[in-house]
């Protein structure tokens, strides 16, 4: 089983918890490799992902540094899947849908044990000929064992879960600006490194976490809007 997700999760927790002082470098890749008893390449992959997500930045010859605290501001809502699907030019393509074992990172997010069954759904949303949104979703398989029997190209996963007796009672989400890796860039048909939005969403049924999803959204085709009373 890959070890880099555990390294990434541990480093992210340290970064968000202020373990690493701003302006000072993180431990080097060889130091991390020794700490976690992994290869230098595995440690580098964890750092690469943290850099892509904006938690750290590299300075050639000086090391890897924390970007500092992220400011949290306001609230925003995203249109439900059923509203997206109503448009005649909108399509959802299921790239993969299968049961996998929970990695350390996914297990930590969904409060599962490493290796527990998780339903993984990878979808791509398009409008006409344009690819707009990538979705990678993880759901506790024990809570919705028949989810994969449904037509996930046309049905809302939230509504399917409700029909299976798993009401969605709360949603937590964050929105960040990121630069696309090659994998996501190829799916969205833009150059690697293109700026995009990364929307992370965790859904709850009562106190239980039931789903975790990442959406990569083209920044040149989407704008997020909300209104509120000051």
C-alpha atoms as a PDB file:
ATOM      1  CA  UNK A   1       0.000   0.000   0.000  1.00  0.00           C
ATOM      2  CA  UNK A   2       1.316   3.465  -0.875  1.00  0.00           C
ATOM      3  CA  UNK A   3       2.741   5.329   2.118  1.00  0.00           C
ATOM      4  CA  UNK A   4       2.781   8.846   0.692  1.00  0.00           C
ATOM      5  CA  UNK A   5      -0.879   9.621   1.656  1.00  0.00           C
ATOM      6  CA  UNK A   6      -0.033   9.037   5.326  1.00  0.00           C
ATOM      7  CA  UNK A   7       3.040  11.286   5.026  1.00  0.00           C
ATOM      8  CA  UNK A   8       0.985  13.941   3.266  1.00  0.00           C
ATOM      9  CA  UNK A   9      -1.772  13.808   5.902  1.00  0.00           C
ATOM     10  CA  UNK A  10       0.729  14.011   8.756  1.00  0.00           C
ATOM     11  CA  UNK A  11       2.562  16.957   7.215  1.00  0.00           C
ATOM     12  CA  UNK A  12      -0.707  18.745   6.429  1.00  0.00           C
ATOM     13  CA  UNK A  13      -1.845  18.354  10.050  1.00  0.00           C
ATOM     14  CA  UNK A  14       1.480  19.765  11.209  1.00  0.00           C
ATOM     15  CA  UNK A  15       1.241  22.685   8.792  1.00  0.00           C
ATOM     16  CA  UNK A  16      -2.322  23.563   9.787  1.00  0.00           C
ATOM     17  CA  UNK A  17      -1.438  23.162  13.449  1.00  0.00           C
ATOM     18  CA  UNK A  18       1.472  25.593  13.250  1.00  0.00           C
ATOM     19  CA  UNK A  19       4.088  22.913  13.893  1.00  0.00           C
ATOM     20  CA  UNK A  20       6.385  24.448  11.275  1.00  0.00           C
ATOM     21  CA  UNK A  21       7.283  28.109  11.735  1.00  0.00           C
ATOM     22  CA  UNK A  22       6.646  30.468   8.843  1.00  0.00           C
ATOM     23  CA  UNK A  23       9.853  31.531   7.135  1.00  0.00           C
ATOM     24  CA  UNK A  24      11.746  28.401   8.154  1.00  0.00           C
ATOM     25  CA  UNK A  25      12.110  25.354   5.896  1.00  0.00           C
ATOM     26  CA  UNK A  26      10.453  22.015   6.498  1.00  0.00           C
ATOM     27  CA  UNK A  27      12.645  18.962   7.028  1.00  0.00           C
ATOM     28  CA  UNK A  28      14.408  17.976   3.816  1.00  0.00           C
ATOM     29  CA  UNK A  29      13.261  15.057   1.683  1.00  0.00           C
ATOM     30  CA  UNK A  30      16.061  12.808   3.029  1.00  0.00           C
ATOM     31  CA  UNK A  31      15.054  13.734   6.598  1.00  0.00           C
ATOM     32  CA  UNK A  32      11.402  12.952   5.904  1.00  0.00           C
ATOM     33  CA  UNK A  33      12.376   9.696   4.238  1.00  0.00           C
ATOM     34  CA  UNK A  34      14.258   8.667   7.384  1.00  0.00           C
ATOM     35  CA  UNK A  35      11.452   9.790   9.724  1.00  0.00           C
ATOM     36  CA  UNK A  36       8.747   7.847   7.876  1.00  0.00           C
ATOM     37  CA  UNK A  37      11.023   4.981   6.808  1.00  0.00           C
ATOM     38  CA  UNK A  38      10.254   5.425   3.103  1.00  0.00           C
ATOM     39  CA  UNK A  39      12.221   6.182  -0.037  1.00  0.00           C
ATOM     40  CA  UNK A  40      13.161   9.745  -0.903  1.00  0.00           C
ATOM     41  CA  UNK A  41      10.897   9.465  -3.964  1.00  0.00           C
ATOM     42  CA  UNK A  42       7.890   8.683  -1.736  1.00  0.00           C
ATOM     43  CA  UNK A  43       8.658  11.665   0.498  1.00  0.00           C
ATOM     44  CA  UNK A  44       9.012  13.877  -2.591  1.00  0.00           C
ATOM     45  CA  UNK A  45       5.596  12.787  -3.880  1.00  0.00           C
ATOM     46  CA  UNK A  46       3.936  13.850  -0.630  1.00  0.00           C
ATOM     47  CA  UNK A  47       5.680  17.244  -0.806  1.00  0.00           C
ATOM     48  CA  UNK A  48       4.729  17.594  -4.498  1.00  0.00           C
ATOM     49  CA  UNK A  49       1.041  17.192  -3.659  1.00  0.00           C
ATOM     50  CA  UNK A  50       1.223  19.626  -0.751  1.00  0.00           C
ATOM     51  CA  UNK A  51       2.879  22.151  -3.071  1.00  0.00           C
ATOM     52  CA  UNK A  52       0.205  21.630  -5.728  1.00  0.00           C
ATOM     53  CA  UNK A  53      -2.508  22.220  -3.123  1.00  0.00           C
ATOM     54  CA  UNK A  54      -0.833  25.399  -1.915  1.00  0.00           C
ATOM     55  CA  UNK A  55       0.321  24.342   1.560  1.00  0.00           C
ATOM     56  CA  UNK A  56       4.043  24.708   0.824  1.00  0.00           C
ATOM     57  CA  UNK A  57       6.350  26.316  -1.729  1.00  0.00           C
ATOM     58  CA  UNK A  58       9.870  25.481  -2.827  1.00  0.00           C
ATOM     59  CA  UNK A  59      12.854  27.808  -3.093  1.00  0.00           C
ATOM     60  CA  UNK A  60      15.692  26.336  -5.150  1.00  0.00           C
ATOM     61  CA  UNK A  61      18.747  25.805  -2.990  1.00  0.00           C
ATOM     62  CA  UNK A  62      16.915  26.819   0.200  1.00  0.00           C
ATOM     63  CA  UNK A  63      14.264  24.183   0.788  1.00  0.00           C
ATOM     64  CA  UNK A  64      10.486  23.812   1.156  1.00  0.00           C
ATOM     65  CA  UNK A  65       8.561  26.397   3.190  1.00  0.00           C
ATOM     66  CA  UNK A  66       5.027  26.629   4.624  1.00  0.00           C
ATOM     67  CA  UNK A  67       2.799  29.116   2.818  1.00  0.00           C
ATOM     68  CA  UNK A  68       1.303  30.291   6.089  1.00  0.00           C
ATOM     69  CA  UNK A  69      -2.204  30.242   7.462  1.00  0.00           C
ATOM     70  CA  UNK A  70      -5.107  30.264   5.036  1.00  0.00           C
ATOM     71  CA  UNK A  71      -7.802  32.802   5.728  1.00  0.00           C
ATOM     72  CA  UNK A  72     -11.355  31.490   5.795  1.00  0.00           C
ATOM     73  CA  UNK A  73     -13.997  33.872   4.537  1.00  0.00           C
ATOM     74  CA  UNK A  74     -17.743  33.794   4.071  1.00  0.00           C
ATOM     75  CA  UNK A  75     -19.804  31.004   2.616  1.00  0.00           C
ATOM     76  CA  UNK A  76     -20.853  29.796  -0.814  1.00  0.00           C
ATOM     77  CA  UNK A  77     -23.181  27.235  -2.296  1.00  0.00           C
ATOM     78  CA  UNK A  78     -22.823  25.035  -5.350  1.00  0.00           C
ATOM     79  CA  UNK A  79     -25.764  24.070  -7.536  1.00  0.00           C
ATOM     80  CA  UNK A  80     -27.092  20.548  -6.901  1.00  0.00           C
ATOM     81  CA  UNK A  81     -26.317  17.840  -9.469  1.00  0.00           C
ATOM     82  CA  UNK A  82     -29.958  17.645 -10.594  1.00  0.00           C
ATOM     83  CA  UNK A  83     -29.872  21.320 -11.623  1.00  0.00           C
ATOM     84  CA  UNK A  84     -26.698  20.724 -13.631  1.00  0.00           C
ATOM     85  CA  UNK A  85     -28.200  17.658 -15.333  1.00  0.00           C
ATOM     86  CA  UNK A  86     -31.315  19.540 -16.501  1.00  0.00           C
ATOM     87  CA  UNK A  87     -29.406  21.506 -19.129  1.00  0.00           C
ATOM     88  CA  UNK A  88     -29.610  19.744 -22.521  1.00  0.00           C
ATOM     89  CA  UNK A  89     -25.904  20.322 -23.302  1.00  0.00           C
ATOM     90  CA  UNK A  90     -24.626  19.103 -19.945  1.00  0.00           C
ATOM     91  CA  UNK A  91     -23.295  15.564 -19.648  1.00  0.00           C
ATOM     92  CA  UNK A  92     -21.724  13.525 -16.864  1.00  0.00           C
ATOM     93  CA  UNK A  93     -19.306  10.747 -17.829  1.00  0.00           C
ATOM     94  CA  UNK A  94     -18.467   8.008 -15.335  1.00  0.00           C
ATOM     95  CA  UNK A  95     -14.752   7.303 -15.769  1.00  0.00           C
ATOM     96  CA  UNK A  96     -14.497   4.772 -12.959  1.00  0.00           C
ATOM     97  CA  UNK A  97     -16.896   3.387 -10.349  1.00  0.00           C
ATOM     98  CA  UNK A  98     -15.746   0.543  -8.136  1.00  0.00           C
ATOM     99  CA  UNK A  99     -15.066  -0.614  -4.595  1.00  0.00           C
ATOM    100  CA  UNK A 100     -11.539   0.002  -3.301  1.00  0.00           C
ATOM    101  CA  UNK A 101      -9.727  -0.227   0.029  1.00  0.00           C
ATOM    102  CA  UNK A 102      -9.531   2.926   2.129  1.00  0.00           C
ATOM    103  CA  UNK A 103      -6.066   4.497   2.037  1.00  0.00           C
ATOM    104  CA  UNK A 104      -4.714   6.079   5.250  1.00  0.00           C
ATOM    105  CA  UNK A 105      -5.781   9.532   4.016  1.00  0.00           C
ATOM    106  CA  UNK A 106      -9.332   8.506   3.077  1.00  0.00           C
ATOM    107  CA  UNK A 107      -9.689   6.415   6.226  1.00  0.00           C
ATOM    108  CA  UNK A 108      -8.742   9.468   8.302  1.00  0.00           C
ATOM    109  CA  UNK A 109     -11.259  11.702   6.525  1.00  0.00           C
ATOM    110  CA  UNK A 110     -14.186   9.238   6.710  1.00  0.00           C
ATOM    111  CA  UNK A 111     -13.275   7.897  10.171  1.00  0.00           C
ATOM    112  CA  UNK A 112     -12.762   4.363   8.853  1.00  0.00           C
ATOM    113  CA  UNK A 113     -10.067   1.760   9.301  1.00  0.00           C
ATOM    114  CA  UNK A 114      -7.340   1.512   6.680  1.00  0.00           C
ATOM    115  CA  UNK A 115      -8.428  -1.178   4.208  1.00  0.00           C
ATOM    116  CA  UNK A 116     -12.165  -0.805   4.854  1.00  0.00           C
ATOM    117  CA  UNK A 117     -14.267  -0.968   1.656  1.00  0.00           C
ATOM    118  CA  UNK A 118     -14.918   2.397   0.034  1.00  0.00           C
ATOM    119  CA  UNK A 119     -16.952   3.155  -3.085  1.00  0.00           C
ATOM    120  CA  UNK A 120     -14.865   5.259  -5.465  1.00  0.00           C
ATOM    121  CA  UNK A 121     -16.606   7.280  -8.184  1.00  0.00           C
ATOM    122  CA  UNK A 122     -14.612   9.256 -10.754  1.00  0.00           C
ATOM    123  CA  UNK A 123     -16.755  11.437 -13.030  1.00  0.00           C
ATOM    124  CA  UNK A 124     -16.201  14.160 -15.623  1.00  0.00           C
ATOM    125  CA  UNK A 125     -18.766  16.865 -16.339  1.00  0.00           C
ATOM    126  CA  UNK A 126     -18.895  18.463 -19.759  1.00  0.00           C
ATOM    127  CA  UNK A 127     -20.885  21.195 -21.466  1.00  0.00           C
ATOM    128  CA  UNK A 128     -21.018  20.647 -25.192  1.00  0.00           C
ATOM    129  CA  UNK A 129     -17.451  19.846 -26.249  1.00  0.00           C
ATOM    130  CA  UNK A 130     -15.856  21.430 -23.177  1.00  0.00           C
ATOM    131  CA  UNK A 131     -14.700  19.479 -20.130  1.00  0.00           C
ATOM    132  CA  UNK A 132     -15.432  21.586 -17.052  1.00  0.00           C
ATOM    133  CA  UNK A 133     -15.378  19.620 -13.783  1.00  0.00           C
ATOM    134  CA  UNK A 134     -13.578  16.514 -12.518  1.00  0.00           C
ATOM    135  CA  UNK A 135     -15.079  14.692  -9.557  1.00  0.00           C
ATOM    136  CA  UNK A 136     -13.352  12.104  -7.358  1.00  0.00           C
ATOM    137  CA  UNK A 137     -15.658  10.831  -4.627  1.00  0.00           C
ATOM    138  CA  UNK A 138     -15.188   8.335  -1.794  1.00  0.00           C
ATOM    139  CA  UNK A 139     -18.162   6.866   0.085  1.00  0.00           C
ATOM    140  CA  UNK A 140     -18.259   4.394   2.940  1.00  0.00           C
ATOM    141  CA  UNK A 141     -19.357   1.225   1.132  1.00  0.00           C
ATOM    142  CA  UNK A 142     -20.992  -0.192   4.258  1.00  0.00           C
ATOM    143  CA  UNK A 143     -23.511   2.658   4.310  1.00  0.00           C
ATOM    144  CA  UNK A 144     -24.577   2.418   0.648  1.00  0.00           C
ATOM    145  CA  UNK A 145     -23.732  -1.110  -0.538  1.00  0.00           C
ATOM    146  CA  UNK A 146     -25.931  -0.945  -3.669  1.00  0.00           C
ATOM    147  CA  UNK A 147     -24.760   2.488  -4.856  1.00  0.00           C
ATOM    148  CA  UNK A 148     -22.894   1.029  -7.829  1.00  0.00           C
ATOM    149  CA  UNK A 149     -26.121  -0.553  -9.106  1.00  0.00           C
ATOM    150  CA  UNK A 150     -27.424   2.923 -10.005  1.00  0.00           C
ATOM    151  CA  UNK A 151     -26.883   4.978 -13.162  1.00  0.00           C
ATOM    152  CA  UNK A 152     -24.308   7.421 -11.805  1.00  0.00           C
ATOM    153  CA  UNK A 153     -24.115   9.261 -15.140  1.00  0.00           C
ATOM    154  CA  UNK A 154     -27.606  10.622 -14.645  1.00  0.00           C
ATOM    155  CA  UNK A 155     -28.478  10.219 -10.951  1.00  0.00           C
ATOM    156  CA  UNK A 156     -27.461  12.446  -8.057  1.00  0.00           C
ATOM    157  CA  UNK A 157     -25.336  10.474  -5.616  1.00  0.00           C
ATOM    158  CA  UNK A 158     -26.812  12.414  -2.702  1.00  0.00           C
ATOM    159  CA  UNK A 159     -30.341  11.548  -3.778  1.00  0.00           C
ATOM    160  CA  UNK A 160     -29.390   7.900  -4.276  1.00  0.00           C
ATOM    161  CA  UNK A 161     -27.951   7.790  -0.760  1.00  0.00           C
ATOM    162  CA  UNK A 162     -31.110   9.321   0.665  1.00  0.00           C
ATOM    163  CA  UNK A 163     -33.157   6.665  -1.145  1.00  0.00           C
ATOM    164  CA  UNK A 164     -30.910   4.015   0.463  1.00  0.00           C
ATOM    165  CA  UNK A 165     -31.725   5.314   3.930  1.00  0.00           C
ATOM    166  CA  UNK A 166     -28.703   7.592   4.395  1.00  0.00           C
ATOM    167  CA  UNK A 167     -30.039  11.150   4.872  1.00  0.00           C
ATOM    168  CA  UNK A 168     -27.568  13.973   4.198  1.00  0.00           C
ATOM    169  CA  UNK A 169     -27.760  16.324   7.180  1.00  0.00           C
ATOM    170  CA  UNK A 170     -24.680  18.518   6.845  1.00  0.00           C
ATOM    171  CA  UNK A 171     -22.036  19.513   4.305  1.00  0.00           C
ATOM    172  CA  UNK A 172     -18.608  20.997   4.989  1.00  0.00           C
ATOM    173  CA  UNK A 173     -16.663  22.395   2.055  1.00  0.00           C
ATOM    174  CA  UNK A 174     -13.607  24.464   1.251  1.00  0.00           C
ATOM    175  CA  UNK A 175     -12.628  26.208  -1.970  1.00  0.00           C
ATOM    176  CA  UNK A 176      -9.000  26.737  -2.961  1.00  0.00           C
ATOM    177  CA  UNK A 177      -7.055  27.946  -5.978  1.00  0.00           C
ATOM    178  CA  UNK A 178      -4.621  25.318  -7.311  1.00  0.00           C
ATOM    179  CA  UNK A 179      -2.506  24.576 -10.359  1.00  0.00           C
ATOM    180  CA  UNK A 180      -3.573  21.481 -12.248  1.00  0.00           C
ATOM    181  CA  UNK A 181      -1.363  18.412 -12.347  1.00  0.00           C
ATOM    182  CA  UNK A 182      -0.951  16.611 -15.653  1.00  0.00           C
ATOM    183  CA  UNK A 183      -3.665  14.044 -14.851  1.00  0.00           C
ATOM    184  CA  UNK A 184      -6.375  16.648 -14.219  1.00  0.00           C
ATOM    185  CA  UNK A 185      -5.106  18.963 -16.961  1.00  0.00           C
ATOM    186  CA  UNK A 186      -5.417  16.207 -19.571  1.00  0.00           C
ATOM    187  CA  UNK A 187      -9.015  15.492 -18.561  1.00  0.00           C
ATOM    188  CA  UNK A 188      -9.923  19.188 -18.655  1.00  0.00           C
ATOM    189  CA  UNK A 189      -7.953  19.643 -21.921  1.00  0.00           C
ATOM    190  CA  UNK A 190      -5.794  22.500 -20.659  1.00  0.00           C
ATOM    191  CA  UNK A 191      -2.012  22.797 -20.169  1.00  0.00           C
ATOM    192  CA  UNK A 192      -0.521  21.388 -16.922  1.00  0.00           C
ATOM    193  CA  UNK A 193      -0.129  24.113 -14.338  1.00  0.00           C
ATOM    194  CA  UNK A 194      -3.301  25.925 -15.428  1.00  0.00           C
ATOM    195  CA  UNK A 195      -5.051  27.667 -12.534  1.00  0.00           C
ATOM    196  CA  UNK A 196      -8.271  26.031 -11.351  1.00  0.00           C
ATOM    197  CA  UNK A 197     -10.553  25.769  -8.340  1.00  0.00           C
ATOM    198  CA  UNK A 198     -10.359  22.777  -6.002  1.00  0.00           C
ATOM    199  CA  UNK A 199     -13.574  22.256  -4.061  1.00  0.00           C
ATOM    200  CA  UNK A 200     -13.340  19.754  -1.202  1.00  0.00           C
ATOM    201  CA  UNK A 201     -16.573  18.558   0.337  1.00  0.00           C
ATOM    202  CA  UNK A 202     -17.353  16.251   3.262  1.00  0.00           C
ATOM    203  CA  UNK A 203     -20.969  15.169   3.815  1.00  0.00           C
ATOM    204  CA  UNK A 204     -22.497  13.896   7.029  1.00  0.00           C
ATOM    205  CA  UNK A 205     -25.466  11.772   8.023  1.00  0.00           C
ATOM    206  CA  UNK A 206     -26.027  12.830  11.603  1.00  0.00           C
ATOM    207  CA  UNK A 207     -22.597  12.741  13.291  1.00  0.00           C
ATOM    208  CA  UNK A 208     -21.214  10.221  10.784  1.00  0.00           C
ATOM    209  CA  UNK A 209     -19.057  11.184   7.810  1.00  0.00           C
ATOM    210  CA  UNK A 210     -20.398   9.360   4.767  1.00  0.00           C
ATOM    211  CA  UNK A 211     -18.749  10.930   1.716  1.00  0.00           C
ATOM    212  CA  UNK A 212     -15.646  12.879   0.749  1.00  0.00           C
ATOM    213  CA  UNK A 213     -15.274  14.437  -2.702  1.00  0.00           C
ATOM    214  CA  UNK A 214     -12.770  16.600  -4.572  1.00  0.00           C
ATOM    215  CA  UNK A 215     -13.917  18.698  -7.543  1.00  0.00           C
ATOM    216  CA  UNK A 216     -11.383  20.277  -9.901  1.00  0.00           C
ATOM    217  CA  UNK A 217     -13.166  23.136 -11.656  1.00  0.00           C
ATOM    218  CA  UNK A 218     -11.866  25.121 -14.620  1.00  0.00           C
ATOM    219  CA  UNK A 219     -11.123  28.631 -13.432  1.00  0.00           C
ATOM    220  CA  UNK A 220     -11.667  30.155 -16.878  1.00  0.00           C
ATOM    221  CA  UNK A 221     -15.203  28.769 -17.161  1.00  0.00           C
ATOM    222  CA  UNK A 222     -16.588  29.052 -13.633  1.00  0.00           C
ATOM    223  CA  UNK A 223     -17.328  31.832 -11.160  1.00  0.00           C
ATOM    224  CA  UNK A 224     -18.711  31.300  -7.662  1.00  0.00           C
ATOM    225  CA  UNK A 225     -21.386  33.718  -6.491  1.00  0.00           C
ATOM    226  CA  UNK A 226     -23.373  34.182  -3.305  1.00  0.00           C
ATOM    227  CA  UNK A 227     -25.526  36.836  -1.648  1.00  0.00           C
ATOM    228  CA  UNK A 228     -26.028  37.619   2.027  1.00  0.00           C
ATOM    229  CA  UNK A 229     -27.390  40.185   4.436  1.00  0.00           C
ATOM    230  CA  UNK A 230     -24.560  42.294   5.936  1.00  0.00           C
END
